[in-house]
Protein backbone atom coordinates (compact mmCIF):
# COMPACT_ATOMS: atom_id res chain seq x y z
CA MET A 1 103.09 75.77 96.63
CA MET A 2 101.39 78.94 97.36
CA LYS A 3 98.13 79.46 97.72
CA LEU A 4 96.23 81.17 95.54
CA LYS A 5 94.36 84.31 98.36
CA GLU A 6 99.01 84.70 99.39
CA ILE A 7 98.85 84.75 96.23
CA LYS A 8 96.10 88.10 96.39
CA ASP A 9 97.36 89.13 99.01
CA ASN A 10 101.13 89.41 97.60
CA ALA A 11 100.15 90.94 94.76
CA LYS A 12 98.42 93.93 96.88
CA LYS A 13 101.20 94.37 98.68
CA TYR A 14 103.19 94.84 95.85
CA ILE A 15 100.73 97.62 94.31
CA GLU A 16 100.58 99.43 97.36
CA LEU A 17 104.84 99.10 97.31
CA CYS A 18 104.22 100.87 94.16
CA LYS A 19 101.43 103.23 94.85
CA LEU A 20 104.82 104.91 97.66
CA LEU A 21 107.47 104.60 95.71
CA TYR A 22 106.00 106.09 92.79
CA THR A 23 104.78 108.83 95.37
CA ASP A 24 107.72 109.62 97.24
CA SER A 25 109.91 112.28 96.22
CA ARG A 26 113.27 109.97 96.94
CA THR A 27 112.48 108.34 94.28
CA PRO A 28 114.29 108.41 90.72
CA LYS A 29 113.00 109.40 87.53
CA ILE A 30 113.72 105.96 86.16
CA THR A 31 112.20 104.22 89.26
CA LYS A 32 109.17 106.01 88.08
CA ILE A 33 109.75 104.94 84.22
CA PHE A 34 109.20 102.02 84.50
CA LEU A 35 106.63 102.27 86.52
CA TRP A 36 104.68 103.71 83.96
CA ILE A 37 105.75 101.68 81.03
CA THR A 38 104.96 98.48 83.26
CA ILE A 39 101.06 99.74 83.65
CA GLY A 40 101.56 100.07 80.07
CA TYR A 41 102.46 97.09 79.25
CA ALA A 42 100.10 95.61 81.95
CA LEU A 43 96.50 97.58 80.31
CA SER A 44 97.94 97.25 76.19
CA PRO A 45 96.46 94.97 74.18
CA ILE A 46 99.38 94.98 72.04
CA ASP A 47 101.60 92.06 73.73
CA LEU A 48 104.55 90.89 71.58
CA ILE A 49 103.01 87.21 71.17
CA PRO A 50 99.22 87.27 71.53
CA ASP A 51 96.73 86.13 74.00
CA PHE A 52 94.71 83.88 71.59
CA ILE A 53 97.81 81.27 71.28
CA PRO A 54 97.39 79.16 73.81
CA VAL A 55 100.49 79.24 77.15
CA ILE A 56 102.20 81.13 75.84
CA GLY A 57 100.38 83.56 74.56
CA TYR A 58 100.01 84.31 78.14
CA LEU A 59 103.39 83.21 79.17
CA ASP A 60 104.65 86.94 77.82
CA ASP A 61 103.32 88.73 80.41
CA MET A 62 103.89 86.65 83.56
CA VAL A 63 107.97 87.06 82.32
CA ILE A 64 108.14 90.22 80.79
CA LEU A 65 105.82 92.05 84.07
CA PRO A 66 107.72 90.74 86.94
CA VAL A 67 110.89 91.79 84.71
CA LEU A 68 109.74 95.13 84.94
CA LEU A 69 109.15 95.86 88.04
CA TYR A 70 111.40 94.27 89.13
CA ILE A 71 114.17 96.40 87.13
CA ALA A 72 112.07 99.10 89.11
CA ILE A 73 111.71 98.12 92.60
CA LYS A 74 116.42 97.50 91.86
CA SER A 75 116.17 101.42 90.86
CA VAL A 76 114.97 101.79 94.66
CA PRO A 77 118.22 103.42 96.78
CA LYS A 78 117.71 100.92 99.32
CA GLU A 79 116.14 103.06 102.81
CA VAL A 80 113.64 104.52 100.22
CA TYR A 81 112.68 100.56 99.56
CA ILE A 82 112.96 99.92 103.34
CA GLU A 83 110.48 102.62 105.00
CA ASN A 84 107.81 101.84 102.49
CA TYR A 85 107.76 98.16 102.66
CA VAL A 86 107.80 98.80 106.21
CA LYS A 87 104.18 101.15 106.54
CA ILE A 88 102.83 98.34 103.99
CA LEU A 89 103.77 95.81 106.53
CA LYS A 90 102.09 97.96 109.25
CA LYS A 91 98.80 97.79 107.77
């Protein structure tokens, strides 16, 4: 099981990667749209399942947000993804 610090560090890396992908001119518009949708859903007070319902309320956030990020990252051309990922690893 990953330690909490590792999870935090990985999350920071993926946030930085998303920023780099968004600012890269070679990134397709559909990727940028999915990144905006992900940010909007994460910050929106409206959820598919309200958070006051125990366990299930937060479970939808833990499923929907990674799926949206996965779709966004998969829509990036491989060479653009690798180039930006290497930039993150060098930091």
